[in-house]
Each structure stands twice: as structure tokens, then as C-alpha cells.
């Protein structure tokens, strides 16, 4: 079974999103997870143990960072275009 850590809750619980269907959530004790598990980590459950998929987690984070940065660049371009329009109206 594959899951992503969605969040940790105050009562030592971890909420996992299962990969089989978006929105399918599972709540487990934080103590069942590796001690270094973080929000966003990709996990696999096998033989009663959760393990972190380090390479997949790193790739997922890189993909998210690239998407976020592309949105920032797009937003900056729109802001520049808006400022150019504002200057041309003043002339």
C-alpha cells in the first residue's frame, strides 16, 4: 500500500492519503511511522511496517517546487504587464 503523509494531528496521529483513490484517508498512530517521517513523505506499507520512499519523496518535492516556481514566474509576468498597462494609460 502506498500513501502520502497529509498531516500530523496534536494527539500523535498521522493522517495519510492513500494512493488508491484521491481523498481516501487513513489515520494511524504517529508511532507506527518512521521517527523521521515528515508531512509530504511518500510511504509504503509492507509486512506491517511503514517505510519512507526517499527517492520518490524527493522527486515529488522537486516537482512541486518547479510547479510553484513556474506559477511565481507567470504571476510576475502578469504583474509586469499590468504595470506596463497602467503606465501607458497615464501617458
PDB file of N, CA and C in Angstrom:
ATOM      1  N   UNK A   1       0.848  -1.172   0.000  1.00  0.00           N
ATOM      2  CA  UNK A   1       0.000   0.000   0.000  1.00  0.00           C
ATOM      3  C   UNK A   1       0.895   1.237   0.000  1.00  0.00           C
ATOM      4  N   UNK A   2       0.503   2.214  -0.801  1.00  0.00           N
ATOM      5  CA  UNK A   2       1.257   3.462  -0.919  1.00  0.00           C
ATOM      6  C   UNK A   2       0.415   4.597  -0.356  1.00  0.00           C
ATOM      7  N   UNK A   3       1.075   5.524   0.361  1.00  0.00           N
ATOM      8  CA  UNK A   3       0.369   6.656   0.959  1.00  0.00           C
ATOM      9  C   UNK A   3       1.297   7.858   1.037  1.00  0.00           C
ATOM     10  N   UNK A   4       0.685   9.030   1.210  1.00  0.00           N
ATOM     11  CA  UNK A   4       1.425  10.276   1.424  1.00  0.00           C
ATOM     12  C   UNK A   4       0.962  10.852   2.752  1.00  0.00           C
ATOM     13  N   UNK A   5       1.909  11.318   3.558  1.00  0.00           N
ATOM     14  CA  UNK A   5       1.537  11.936   4.829  1.00  0.00           C
ATOM     15  C   UNK A   5       0.904  13.290   4.535  1.00  0.00           C
ATOM     16  N   UNK A   6      -0.379  13.397   4.847  1.00  0.00           N
ATOM     17  CA  UNK A   6      -1.112  14.645   4.635  1.00  0.00           C
ATOM     18  C   UNK A   6      -0.839  15.624   5.768  1.00  0.00           C
ATOM     19  N   UNK A   7      -0.898  15.111   7.008  1.00  0.00           N
ATOM     20  CA  UNK A   7      -0.679  15.995   8.159  1.00  0.00           C
ATOM     21  C   UNK A   7      -0.514  15.167   9.422  1.00  0.00           C
ATOM     22  N   UNK A   8       0.010  15.835  10.443  1.00  0.00           N
ATOM     23  CA  UNK A   8       0.074  15.278  11.785  1.00  0.00           C
ATOM     24  C   UNK A   8      -0.903  16.050  12.651  1.00  0.00           C
ATOM     25  N   UNK A   9      -1.571  15.353  13.536  1.00  0.00           N
ATOM     26  CA  UNK A   9      -2.512  15.996  14.438  1.00  0.00           C
ATOM     27  C   UNK A   9      -1.943  15.994  15.850  1.00  0.00           C
ATOM     28  N   UNK A  10      -2.482  16.887  16.691  1.00  0.00           N
ATOM     29  CA  UNK A  10      -1.953  17.098  18.042  1.00  0.00           C
ATOM     30  C   UNK A  10      -1.941  15.848  18.910  1.00  0.00           C
ATOM     31  N   UNK A  11      -2.842  14.937  18.670  1.00  0.00           N
ATOM     32  CA  UNK A  11      -2.948  13.763  19.532  1.00  0.00           C
ATOM     33  C   UNK A  11      -2.101  12.590  19.035  1.00  0.00           C
ATOM     34  N   UNK A  12      -0.936  12.891  18.471  1.00  0.00           N
ATOM     35  CA  UNK A  12       0.014  11.888  17.978  1.00  0.00           C
ATOM     36  C   UNK A  12      -0.563  10.983  16.897  1.00  0.00           C
ATOM     37  N   UNK A  13      -1.422  11.556  16.073  1.00  0.00           N
ATOM     38  CA  UNK A  13      -1.962  10.815  14.941  1.00  0.00           C
ATOM     39  C   UNK A  13      -1.412  11.397  13.647  1.00  0.00           C
ATOM     40  N   UNK A  14      -1.295  10.533  12.653  1.00  0.00           N
ATOM     41  CA  UNK A  14      -0.893  10.960  11.319  1.00  0.00           C
ATOM     42  C   UNK A  14      -2.035  10.635  10.369  1.00  0.00           C
ATOM     43  N   UNK A  15      -2.361  11.583   9.510  1.00  0.00           N
ATOM     44  CA  UNK A  15      -3.400  11.370   8.506  1.00  0.00           C
ATOM     45  C   UNK A  15      -2.695  11.134   7.174  1.00  0.00           C
ATOM     46  N   UNK A  16      -2.963   9.984   6.590  1.00  0.00           N
ATOM     47  CA  UNK A  16      -2.328   9.580   5.339  1.00  0.00           C
ATOM     48  C   UNK A  16      -3.355   9.583   4.214  1.00  0.00           C
ATOM     49  N   UNK A  17      -2.947  10.055   3.049  1.00  0.00           N
ATOM     50  CA  UNK A  17      -3.800   9.936   1.868  1.00  0.00           C
ATOM     51  C   UNK A  17      -3.331   8.712   1.102  1.00  0.00           C
ATOM     52  N   UNK A  18      -4.234   7.761   0.944  1.00  0.00           N
ATOM     53  CA  UNK A  18      -3.886   6.530   0.252  1.00  0.00           C
ATOM     54  C   UNK A  18      -3.860   6.767  -1.246  1.00  0.00           C
ATOM     55  N   UNK A  19      -2.951   6.102  -1.913  1.00  0.00           N
ATOM     56  CA  UNK A  19      -2.733   6.325  -3.340  1.00  0.00           C
ATOM     57  C   UNK A  19      -3.797   5.675  -4.217  1.00  0.00           C
ATOM     58  N   UNK A  20      -4.602   4.772  -3.650  1.00  0.00           N
ATOM     59  CA  UNK A  20      -5.559   4.042  -4.476  1.00  0.00           C
ATOM     60  C   UNK A  20      -6.674   4.914  -5.033  1.00  0.00           C
ATOM     61  N   UNK A  21      -7.008   5.985  -4.291  1.00  0.00           N
ATOM     62  CA  UNK A  21      -8.080   6.872  -4.743  1.00  0.00           C
ATOM     63  C   UNK A  21      -7.904   8.220  -4.055  1.00  0.00           C
ATOM     64  N   UNK A  22      -7.876   9.324  -4.814  1.00  0.00           N
ATOM     65  CA  UNK A  22      -7.727  10.642  -4.187  1.00  0.00           C
ATOM     66  C   UNK A  22      -8.810  10.877  -3.137  1.00  0.00           C
ATOM     67  N   UNK A  23      -8.388  11.392  -2.005  1.00  0.00           N
ATOM     68  CA  UNK A  23      -9.325  11.681  -0.925  1.00  0.00           C
ATOM     69  C   UNK A  23      -9.550  10.519   0.019  1.00  0.00           C
ATOM     70  N   UNK A  24      -9.011   9.345  -0.289  1.00  0.00           N
ATOM     71  CA  UNK A  24      -9.144   8.186   0.590  1.00  0.00           C
ATOM     72  C   UNK A  24      -8.099   8.315   1.698  1.00  0.00           C
ATOM     73  N   UNK A  25      -8.544   8.608   2.909  1.00  0.00           N
ATOM     74  CA  UNK A  25      -7.639   8.918   4.012  1.00  0.00           C
ATOM     75  C   UNK A  25      -7.595   7.777   5.035  1.00  0.00           C
ATOM     76  N   UNK A  26      -6.456   7.658   5.690  1.00  0.00           N
ATOM     77  CA  UNK A  26      -6.252   6.678   6.746  1.00  0.00           C
ATOM     78  C   UNK A  26      -5.562   7.387   7.898  1.00  0.00           C
ATOM     79  N   UNK A  27      -6.055   7.191   9.108  1.00  0.00           N
ATOM     80  CA  UNK A  27      -5.430   7.783  10.290  1.00  0.00           C
ATOM     81  C   UNK A  27      -4.710   6.683  11.052  1.00  0.00           C
ATOM     82  N   UNK A  28      -3.432   6.919  11.345  1.00  0.00           N
ATOM     83  CA  UNK A  28      -2.621   5.949  12.084  1.00  0.00           C
ATOM     84  C   UNK A  28      -1.898   6.665  13.216  1.00  0.00           C
ATOM     85  N   UNK A  29      -1.437   5.896  14.174  1.00  0.00           N
ATOM     86  CA  UNK A  29      -0.629   6.462  15.247  1.00  0.00           C
ATOM     87  C   UNK A  29       0.708   6.916  14.669  1.00  0.00           C
ATOM     88  N   UNK A  30       1.154   8.066  15.105  1.00  0.00           N
ATOM     89  CA  UNK A  30       2.446   8.579  14.633  1.00  0.00           C
ATOM     90  C   UNK A  30       3.572   7.607  14.977  1.00  0.00           C
ATOM     91  N   UNK A  31       3.385   6.842  16.040  1.00  0.00           N
ATOM     92  CA  UNK A  31       4.406   5.888  16.480  1.00  0.00           C
ATOM     93  C   UNK A  31       4.562   4.714  15.512  1.00  0.00           C
ATOM     94  N   UNK A  32       3.586   4.522  14.617  1.00  0.00           N
ATOM     95  CA  UNK A  32       3.686   3.455  13.617  1.00  0.00           C
ATOM     96  C   UNK A  32       4.596   3.843  12.456  1.00  0.00           C
ATOM     97  N   UNK A  33       4.869   5.132  12.326  1.00  0.00           N
ATOM     98  CA  UNK A  33       5.664   5.637  11.207  1.00  0.00           C
ATOM     99  C   UNK A  33       7.132   5.745  11.600  1.00  0.00           C
ATOM    100  N   UNK A  34       8.025   5.809  10.615  1.00  0.00           N
ATOM    101  CA  UNK A  34       9.433   6.046  10.934  1.00  0.00           C
ATOM    102  C   UNK A  34       9.575   7.355  11.719  1.00  0.00           C
ATOM    103  N   UNK A  35      10.521   7.406  12.633  1.00  0.00           N
ATOM    104  CA  UNK A  35      10.681   8.579  13.504  1.00  0.00           C
ATOM    105  C   UNK A  35      11.016   9.846  12.724  1.00  0.00           C
ATOM    106  N   UNK A  36      11.604   9.709  11.542  1.00  0.00           N
ATOM    107  CA  UNK A  36      11.972  10.882  10.743  1.00  0.00           C
ATOM    108  C   UNK A  36      10.920  11.239   9.690  1.00  0.00           C
ATOM    109  N   UNK A  37       9.734  10.650   9.773  1.00  0.00           N
ATOM    110  CA  UNK A  37       8.676  10.913   8.794  1.00  0.00           C
ATOM    111  C   UNK A  37       8.186  12.349   8.902  1.00  0.00           C
ATOM    112  N   UNK A  38       7.966  12.967   7.736  1.00  0.00           N
ATOM    113  CA  UNK A  38       7.518  14.364   7.667  1.00  0.00           C
ATOM    114  C   UNK A  38       6.288  14.473   6.772  1.00  0.00           C
ATOM    115  N   UNK A  39       5.580  15.573   6.943  1.00  0.00           N
ATOM    116  CA  UNK A  39       4.436  15.863   6.085  1.00  0.00           C
ATOM    117  C   UNK A  39       4.906  15.872   4.634  1.00  0.00           C
ATOM    118  N   UNK A  40       4.156  15.199   3.764  1.00  0.00           N
ATOM    119  CA  UNK A  40       4.503  15.134   2.351  1.00  0.00           C
ATOM    120  C   UNK A  40       5.321  13.917   1.956  1.00  0.00           C
ATOM    121  N   UNK A  41       5.838  13.179   2.936  1.00  0.00           N
ATOM    122  CA  UNK A  41       6.615  11.983   2.614  1.00  0.00           C
ATOM    123  C   UNK A  41       5.728  10.923   1.966  1.00  0.00           C
ATOM    124  N   UNK A  42       6.302  10.209   1.011  1.00  0.00           N
ATOM    125  CA  UNK A  42       5.631   9.065   0.403  1.00  0.00           C
ATOM    126  C   UNK A  42       6.044   7.833   1.195  1.00  0.00           C
ATOM    127  N   UNK A  43       5.050   7.046   1.572  1.00  0.00           N
ATOM    128  CA  UNK A  43       5.283   5.857   2.387  1.00  0.00           C
ATOM    129  C   UNK A  43       4.777   4.612   1.674  1.00  0.00           C
ATOM    130  N   UNK A  44       5.399   3.484   1.999  1.00  0.00           N
ATOM    131  CA  UNK A  44       4.900   2.178   1.578  1.00  0.00           C
ATOM    132  C   UNK A  44       4.685   1.341   2.824  1.00  0.00           C
ATOM    133  N   UNK A  45       3.591   0.586   2.830  1.00  0.00           N
ATOM    134  CA  UNK A  45       3.275  -0.307   3.939  1.00  0.00           C
ATOM    135  C   UNK A  45       3.458  -1.730   3.457  1.00  0.00           C
ATOM    136  N   UNK A  46       4.379  -2.439   4.118  1.00  0.00           N
ATOM    137  CA  UNK A  46       4.649  -3.815   3.731  1.00  0.00           C
ATOM    138  C   UNK A  46       5.064  -4.600   4.963  1.00  0.00           C
ATOM    139  N   UNK A  47       4.498  -5.768   5.112  1.00  0.00           N
ATOM    140  CA  UNK A  47       4.806  -6.660   6.234  1.00  0.00           C
ATOM    141  C   UNK A  47       4.651  -5.966   7.581  1.00  0.00           C
ATOM    142  N   UNK A  48       3.621  -5.127   7.709  1.00  0.00           N
ATOM    143  CA  UNK A  48       3.320  -4.480   8.979  1.00  0.00           C
ATOM    144  C   UNK A  48       4.177  -3.275   9.313  1.00  0.00           C
ATOM    145  N   UNK A  49       4.943  -2.786   8.337  1.00  0.00           N
ATOM    146  CA  UNK A  49       5.851  -1.665   8.595  1.00  0.00           C
ATOM    147  C   UNK A  49       5.707  -0.598   7.514  1.00  0.00           C
ATOM    148  N   UNK A  50       5.683   0.659   7.952  1.00  0.00           N
ATOM    149  CA  UNK A  50       5.697   1.801   7.030  1.00  0.00           C
ATOM    150  C   UNK A  50       7.143   2.202   6.780  1.00  0.00           C
ATOM    151  N   UNK A  51       7.510   2.389   5.519  1.00  0.00           N
ATOM    152  CA  UNK A  51       8.850   2.873   5.179  1.00  0.00           C
ATOM    153  C   UNK A  51       8.723   4.078   4.249  1.00  0.00           C
ATOM    154  N   UNK A  52       9.674   4.986   4.366  1.00  0.00           N
ATOM    155  CA  UNK A  52       9.682   6.188   3.534  1.00  0.00           C
ATOM    156  C   UNK A  52      10.352   5.865   2.203  1.00  0.00           C
ATOM    157  N   UNK A  53       9.721   6.258   1.123  1.00  0.00           N
ATOM    158  CA  UNK A  53      10.300   6.133  -0.219  1.00  0.00           C
ATOM    159  C   UNK A  53      11.078   7.425  -0.473  1.00  0.00           C
ATOM    160  N   UNK A  54      12.340   7.424  -0.086  1.00  0.00           N
ATOM    161  CA  UNK A  54      13.160   8.639  -0.119  1.00  0.00           C
ATOM    162  C   UNK A  54      13.234   9.257  -1.520  1.00  0.00           C
ATOM    163  N   UNK A  55      13.554   8.438  -2.523  1.00  0.00           N
ATOM    164  CA  UNK A  55      13.721   8.973  -3.882  1.00  0.00           C
ATOM    165  C   UNK A  55      12.410   9.520  -4.436  1.00  0.00           C
ATOM    166  N   UNK A  56      11.315   8.797  -4.214  1.00  0.00           N
ATOM    167  CA  UNK A  56      10.013   9.274  -4.697  1.00  0.00           C
ATOM    168  C   UNK A  56       9.605  10.561  -3.992  1.00  0.00           C
ATOM    169  N   UNK A  57       9.882  10.624  -2.687  1.00  0.00           N
ATOM    170  CA  UNK A  57       9.546  11.824  -1.918  1.00  0.00           C
ATOM    171  C   UNK A  57      10.338  13.019  -2.437  1.00  0.00           C
ATOM    172  N   UNK A  58      11.632  12.828  -2.684  1.00  0.00           N
ATOM    173  CA  UNK A  58      12.474  13.904  -3.202  1.00  0.00           C
ATOM    174  C   UNK A  58      11.988  14.354  -4.573  1.00  0.00           C
ATOM    175  N   UNK A  59      11.669  13.396  -5.452  1.00  0.00           N
ATOM    176  CA  UNK A  59      11.184  13.738  -6.792  1.00  0.00           C
ATOM    177  C   UNK A  59       9.859  14.485  -6.711  1.00  0.00           C
ATOM    178  N   UNK A  60       8.967  14.041  -5.830  1.00  0.00           N
ATOM    179  CA  UNK A  60       7.667  14.712  -5.669  1.00  0.00           C
ATOM    180  C   UNK A  60       7.871  16.148  -5.209  1.00  0.00           C
ATOM    181  N   UNK A  61       8.773  16.347  -4.242  1.00  0.00           N
ATOM    182  CA  UNK A  61       9.020  17.698  -3.739  1.00  0.00           C
ATOM    183  C   UNK A  61       9.637  18.580  -4.826  1.00  0.00           C
ATOM    184  N   UNK A  62      10.545  18.011  -5.619  1.00  0.00           N
ATOM    185  CA  UNK A  62      11.132  18.773  -6.730  1.00  0.00           C
ATOM    186  C   UNK A  62      10.064  19.174  -7.747  1.00  0.00           C
ATOM    187  N   UNK A  63       9.155  18.254  -8.050  1.00  0.00           N
ATOM    188  CA  UNK A  63       8.063  18.561  -8.986  1.00  0.00           C
ATOM    189  C   UNK A  63       7.174  19.679  -8.445  1.00  0.00           C
ATOM    190  N   UNK A  64       6.871  19.618  -7.154  1.00  0.00           N
ATOM    191  CA  UNK A  64       6.044  20.653  -6.522  1.00  0.00           C
ATOM    192  C   UNK A  64       6.766  21.993  -6.558  1.00  0.00           C
ATOM    193  N   UNK A  65       8.057  21.992  -6.242  1.00  0.00           N
ATOM    194  CA  UNK A  65       8.842  23.234  -6.263  1.00  0.00           C
ATOM    195  C   UNK A  65       8.872  23.851  -7.663  1.00  0.00           C
ATOM    196  N   UNK A  66       9.068  23.008  -8.690  1.00  0.00           N
ATOM    197  CA  UNK A  66       9.087  23.506 -10.068  1.00  0.00           C
ATOM    198  C   UNK A  66       7.744  24.126 -10.447  1.00  0.00           C
ATOM    199  N   UNK A  67       6.667  23.459 -10.084  1.00  0.00           N
ATOM    200  CA  UNK A  67       5.336  23.984 -10.387  1.00  0.00           C
ATOM    201  C   UNK A  67       5.111  25.314  -9.683  1.00  0.00           C
ATOM    202  N   UNK A  68       5.466  25.380  -8.406  1.00  0.00           N
ATOM    203  CA  UNK A  68       5.299  26.610  -7.635  1.00  0.00           C
ATOM    204  C   UNK A  68       6.112  27.747  -8.259  1.00  0.00           C
ATOM    205  N   UNK A  69       7.369  27.456  -8.602  1.00  0.00           N
ATOM    206  CA  UNK A  69       8.218  28.487  -9.203  1.00  0.00           C
ATOM    207  C   UNK A  69       7.688  28.942 -10.561  1.00  0.00           C
ATOM    208  N   UNK A  70       7.135  28.020 -11.341  1.00  0.00           N
ATOM    209  CA  UNK A  70       6.570  28.422 -12.633  1.00  0.00           C
ATOM    210  C   UNK A  70       5.354  29.320 -12.431  1.00  0.00           C
ATOM    211  N   UNK A  71       4.596  29.092 -11.375  1.00  0.00           N
ATOM    212  CA  UNK A  71       3.461  29.963 -11.072  1.00  0.00           C
ATOM    213  C   UNK A  71       3.937  31.345 -10.654  1.00  0.00           C
ATOM    214  N   UNK A  72       5.028  31.401  -9.889  1.00  0.00           N
ATOM    215  CA  UNK A  72       5.573  32.694  -9.479  1.00  0.00           C
ATOM    216  C   UNK A  72       6.053  33.486 -10.685  1.00  0.00           C
ATOM    217  N   UNK A  73       6.735  32.826 -11.600  1.00  0.00           N
ATOM    218  CA  UNK A  73       7.224  33.496 -12.803  1.00  0.00           C
ATOM    219  C   UNK A  73       6.041  33.987 -13.621  1.00  0.00           C
ATOM    220  N   UNK A  74       5.026  33.175 -13.768  1.00  0.00           N
ATOM    221  CA  UNK A  74       3.821  33.568 -14.510  1.00  0.00           C
ATOM    222  C   UNK A  74       3.159  34.764 -13.842  1.00  0.00           C
ATOM    223  N   UNK A  75       3.073  34.750 -12.518  1.00  0.00           N
ATOM    224  CA  UNK A  75       2.460  35.850 -11.772  1.00  0.00           C
ATOM    225  C   UNK A  75       3.284  37.128 -11.933  1.00  0.00           C
ATOM    226  N   UNK A  76       4.612  37.012 -11.889  1.00  0.00           N
ATOM    227  CA  UNK A  76       5.476  38.186 -12.081  1.00  0.00           C
ATOM    228  C   UNK A  76       5.275  38.781 -13.469  1.00  0.00           C
ATOM    229  N   UNK A  77       5.142  37.936 -14.476  1.00  0.00           N
ATOM    230  CA  UNK A  77       4.919  38.422 -15.842  1.00  0.00           C
ATOM    231  C   UNK A  77       3.590  39.149 -15.956  1.00  0.00           C
ATOM    232  N   UNK A  78       2.563  38.638 -15.310  1.00  0.00           N
ATOM    233  CA  UNK A  78       1.264  39.312 -15.333  1.00  0.00           C
ATOM    234  C   UNK A  78       1.341  40.653 -14.622  1.00  0.00           C
ATOM    235  N   UNK A  79       2.077  40.701 -13.504  1.00  0.00           N
ATOM    236  CA  UNK A  79       2.215  41.949 -12.751  1.00  0.00           C
ATOM    237  C   UNK A  79       2.953  42.985 -13.590  1.00  0.00           C
ATOM    238  N   UNK A  80       4.017  42.555 -14.285  1.00  0.00           N
ATOM    239  CA  UNK A  80       4.756  43.474 -15.155  1.00  0.00           C
ATOM    240  C   UNK A  80       3.851  43.996 -16.262  1.00  0.00           C
ATOM    241  N   UNK A  81       3.046  43.119 -16.834  1.00  0.00           N
ATOM    242  CA  UNK A  81       2.124  43.520 -17.897  1.00  0.00           C
ATOM    243  C   UNK A  81       1.104  44.509 -17.365  1.00  0.00           C
ATOM    244  N   UNK A  82       0.608  44.286 -16.163  1.00  0.00           N
ATOM    245  CA  UNK A  82      -0.357  45.196 -15.551  1.00  0.00           C
ATOM    246  C   UNK A  82       0.277  46.567 -15.324  1.00  0.00           C
ATOM    247  N   UNK A  83       1.531  46.573 -14.837  1.00  0.00           N
ATOM    248  CA  UNK A  83       2.210  47.846 -14.597  1.00  0.00           C
ATOM    249  C   UNK A  83       2.453  48.578 -15.913  1.00  0.00           C
ATOM    250  N   UNK A  84       2.815  47.848 -16.968  1.00  0.00           N
ATOM    251  CA  UNK A  84       3.011  48.465 -18.281  1.00  0.00           C
ATOM    252  C   UNK A  84       1.713  49.102 -18.766  1.00  0.00           C
ATOM    253  N   UNK A  85       0.600  48.405 -18.583  1.00  0.00           N
ATOM    254  CA  UNK A  85      -0.705  48.947 -18.977  1.00  0.00           C
ATOM    255  C   UNK A  85      -1.033  50.200 -18.186  1.00  0.00           C
ATOM    256  N   UNK A  86      -0.714  50.211 -16.900  1.00  0.00           N
ATOM    257  CA  UNK A  86      -1.010  51.368 -16.050  1.00  0.00           C
ATOM    258  C   UNK A  86      -0.203  52.577 -16.503  1.00  0.00           C
ATOM    259  N   UNK A  87       1.074  52.360 -16.865  1.00  0.00           N
ATOM    260  CA  UNK A  87       1.910  53.473 -17.326  1.00  0.00           C
ATOM    261  C   UNK A  87       1.408  54.022 -18.655  1.00  0.00           C
ATOM    262  N   UNK A  88       0.983  53.141 -19.550  1.00  0.00           N
ATOM    263  CA  UNK A  88       0.545  53.610 -20.868  1.00  0.00           C
ATOM    264  C   UNK A  88      -0.758  54.399 -20.773  1.00  0.00           C
ATOM    265  N   UNK A  89      -1.591  54.118 -19.778  1.00  0.00           N
ATOM    266  CA  UNK A  89      -2.838  54.864 -19.606  1.00  0.00           C
ATOM    267  C   UNK A  89      -2.579  56.272 -19.086  1.00  0.00           C
ATOM    268  N   UNK A  90      -1.490  56.441 -18.332  1.00  0.00           N
ATOM    269  CA  UNK A  90      -1.156  57.745 -17.768  1.00  0.00           C
ATOM    270  C   UNK A  90      -0.616  58.702 -18.829  1.00  0.00           C
ATOM    271  N   UNK A  91      -0.117  58.156 -19.915  1.00  0.00           N
ATOM    272  CA  UNK A  91       0.541  58.996 -20.927  1.00  0.00           C
ATOM    273  C   UNK A  91      -0.418  59.731 -21.796  1.00  0.00           C
TER     274      UNK A  91
END
